[in-house]
Amino acid sequence: MAERRFTARLVIGVRPEVAFDWVADYRNAPRVLEGIGEWQPVGARTRGVGARFRVRMNPLGVGYETTLVLDSWDRPHGLGWHSERGLVPQRGGWRFRELGGGTEVSLEIAYEPPGGALGGLLAARADGLVRGRLRRALEHMRQQLESPQPS
């Protein structure tokens, strides 16, 4: 089955360290990623390579659970993950690059749709929805990071 890959980019008015630290806090994932019902650590480790998370999603109206493992961690430049188990093998990452007083943030997700050719056909029809969700996630992140924080 052919892998589906999606990337979204956006400039946020904070330094790369701020953007990285915000993304690295697992509690922020459900705040910006549509369709995420739960994102919880598996075990005591919540940061760095090897941290594992149980994630419950409802993409495209179909709920499922997966375990994601952080496999790269390079503060403030990026972090990445892959699925350890779950119906849909996936991997992805966040990248942060200083740009003109702000940070270019990119989010990439790649997955292999289940179900052979039929799954690929259905996934192709959902490509626009996935791209839109990635863009909206970055917009929500920007709103969170650029909004004045209460003292």
Protein backbone atom coordinates (compact mmCIF):
# COMPACT_ATOMS: atom_id res chain seq x y z
CA MET A 1 0.00 0.00 0.00
CA ALA A 2 1.28 3.45 -0.82
CA GLU A 3 2.14 5.71 2.06
CA ARG A 4 0.16 8.96 2.39
CA ARG A 5 2.22 11.99 3.47
CA PHE A 6 1.06 15.45 4.49
CA THR A 7 2.96 18.55 5.58
CA ALA A 8 1.79 21.94 6.82
CA ARG A 9 3.95 25.00 7.61
CA LEU A 10 3.32 28.25 9.39
CA VAL A 11 5.34 31.07 10.97
CA ILE A 12 4.63 31.74 14.63
CA GLY A 13 5.84 34.84 16.47
CA VAL A 14 7.84 33.05 19.17
CA ARG A 15 11.38 31.68 19.43
CA PRO A 16 12.02 28.04 18.41
CA GLU A 17 12.64 27.03 22.04
CA VAL A 18 9.19 28.28 23.03
CA ALA A 19 7.48 26.48 20.15
CA PHE A 20 9.41 23.26 20.79
CA ASP A 21 8.66 23.25 24.51
CA TRP A 22 4.96 23.87 23.85
CA VAL A 23 4.75 20.95 21.41
CA ALA A 24 6.85 18.73 23.70
CA ASP A 25 4.22 19.10 26.43
CA TYR A 26 1.94 16.15 25.58
CA ARG A 27 -1.01 17.89 27.28
CA ASN A 28 -1.17 20.38 24.39
CA ALA A 29 -1.76 17.77 21.65
CA PRO A 30 -5.53 17.39 22.21
CA ARG A 31 -5.84 21.19 22.43
CA VAL A 32 -4.85 21.66 18.78
CA LEU A 33 -5.22 18.32 16.96
CA GLU A 34 -8.78 17.65 15.80
CA GLY A 35 -10.05 14.14 16.37
CA ILE A 36 -7.78 13.42 19.35
CA GLY A 37 -9.78 12.20 22.31
CA GLU A 38 -6.90 11.23 24.56
CA TRP A 39 -3.09 11.58 24.56
CA GLN A 40 -1.65 10.02 27.71
CA PRO A 41 1.84 8.82 28.67
CA VAL A 42 2.46 5.11 29.00
CA GLY A 43 4.76 4.95 31.99
CA ALA A 44 6.57 7.75 33.83
CA ARG A 45 8.53 9.15 30.88
CA THR A 46 6.83 12.06 29.08
CA ARG A 47 9.77 13.64 27.21
CA GLY A 48 12.65 12.57 25.02
CA VAL A 49 13.40 9.59 22.81
CA GLY A 50 11.57 6.51 24.03
CA ALA A 51 8.60 8.28 25.65
CA ARG A 52 5.42 6.40 24.77
CA PHE A 53 1.84 7.66 24.54
CA ARG A 54 -1.56 5.99 24.26
CA VAL A 55 -3.56 8.01 21.76
CA ARG A 56 -7.26 7.66 21.10
CA MET A 57 -8.36 9.21 17.83
CA ASN A 58 -11.51 9.61 15.84
CA PRO A 59 -10.26 10.50 12.36
CA LEU A 60 -12.91 10.54 9.70
CA GLY A 61 -15.53 9.38 12.21
CA VAL A 62 -13.85 6.04 12.97
CA GLY A 63 -12.41 5.68 16.46
CA TYR A 64 -9.24 3.74 17.18
CA GLU A 65 -6.35 3.60 19.62
CA THR A 66 -2.64 3.55 18.93
CA THR A 67 0.63 3.77 20.84
CA LEU A 68 3.06 6.42 19.61
CA VAL A 69 6.77 6.41 20.52
CA LEU A 70 9.05 9.43 20.32
CA ASP A 71 12.02 8.42 18.15
CA SER A 72 13.76 11.78 17.69
CA TRP A 73 14.28 14.69 20.06
CA ASP A 74 16.52 17.60 19.12
CA ARG A 75 15.54 20.68 21.13
CA PRO A 76 14.77 23.25 19.71
CA HIS A 77 14.93 21.91 16.14
CA GLY A 78 12.45 19.07 16.10
CA LEU A 79 10.94 15.90 17.44
CA GLY A 80 9.39 12.87 15.78
CA TRP A 81 7.41 9.73 16.46
CA HIS A 82 6.26 6.45 15.00
CA SER A 83 3.40 4.15 15.89
CA GLU A 84 4.35 1.14 17.95
CA ARG A 85 1.00 -0.52 17.55
CA GLY A 86 -2.38 0.26 16.10
CA LEU A 87 -4.47 -0.33 13.01
CA VAL A 88 -2.82 2.43 10.98
CA PRO A 89 1.01 2.50 10.87
CA GLN A 90 2.13 6.11 11.06
CA ARG A 91 5.05 8.38 11.69
CA GLY A 92 5.56 12.08 11.80
CA GLY A 93 7.41 15.00 13.21
CA TRP A 94 7.55 18.63 14.14
CA ARG A 95 10.34 20.89 12.87
CA PHE A 96 11.20 24.38 14.12
CA ARG A 97 13.36 26.87 12.24
CA GLU A 98 14.11 30.42 13.32
CA LEU A 99 12.81 32.78 10.67
CA GLY A 100 12.66 36.58 10.79
CA GLY A 101 12.11 36.99 14.52
CA GLY A 102 9.68 34.09 14.67
CA THR A 103 9.71 30.38 14.02
CA GLU A 104 8.68 28.42 10.95
CA VAL A 105 6.86 25.41 12.34
CA SER A 106 6.22 22.40 10.14
CA LEU A 107 4.16 19.34 10.99
CA GLU A 108 4.45 16.21 8.86
CA ILE A 109 2.39 13.06 9.15
CA ALA A 110 2.75 9.92 7.06
CA TYR A 111 0.59 6.83 7.33
CA GLU A 112 -0.31 3.65 5.50
CA PRO A 113 -4.06 3.23 5.06
CA PRO A 114 -5.40 -0.19 5.99
CA GLY A 115 -7.55 -2.25 3.66
CA GLY A 116 -5.50 -2.59 0.48
CA ALA A 117 -6.70 -0.82 -2.66
CA LEU A 118 -10.08 0.09 -1.16
CA GLY A 119 -8.37 1.67 1.85
CA GLY A 120 -6.08 3.62 -0.49
CA LEU A 121 -9.05 4.87 -2.48
CA LEU A 122 -10.88 6.01 0.64
CA ALA A 123 -7.71 7.64 2.00
CA ALA A 124 -7.21 9.53 -1.27
CA ARG A 125 -10.71 10.95 -0.94
CA ALA A 126 -9.88 12.14 2.60
CA ASP A 127 -6.61 13.89 1.67
CA GLY A 128 -8.17 17.35 1.73
CA LEU A 129 -9.63 16.75 5.18
CA VAL A 130 -6.24 15.61 6.54
CA ARG A 131 -4.46 18.63 5.05
CA GLY A 132 -7.08 20.94 6.52
CA ARG A 133 -6.68 19.40 9.96
CA LEU A 134 -2.92 19.89 9.86
CA ARG A 135 -3.29 23.54 8.86
CA ARG A 136 -5.89 24.14 11.56
CA ALA A 137 -3.65 22.46 14.16
CA LEU A 138 -0.88 24.93 13.34
CA GLU A 139 -3.32 27.84 13.43
CA HIS A 140 -4.59 26.73 16.84
CA MET A 141 -1.00 26.42 18.04
CA ARG A 142 -0.23 29.93 16.82
CA GLN A 143 -3.30 31.29 18.63
CA GLN A 144 -2.21 29.56 21.86
CA LEU A 145 1.38 30.79 21.67
CA GLU A 146 0.75 34.34 20.46
CA SER A 147 -2.14 35.13 22.80
CA PRO A 148 -1.26 37.18 25.88
CA GLN A 149 -0.90 34.84 28.85
CA PRO A 150 -2.59 35.77 32.14
CA SER A 151 -0.11 36.72 34.85
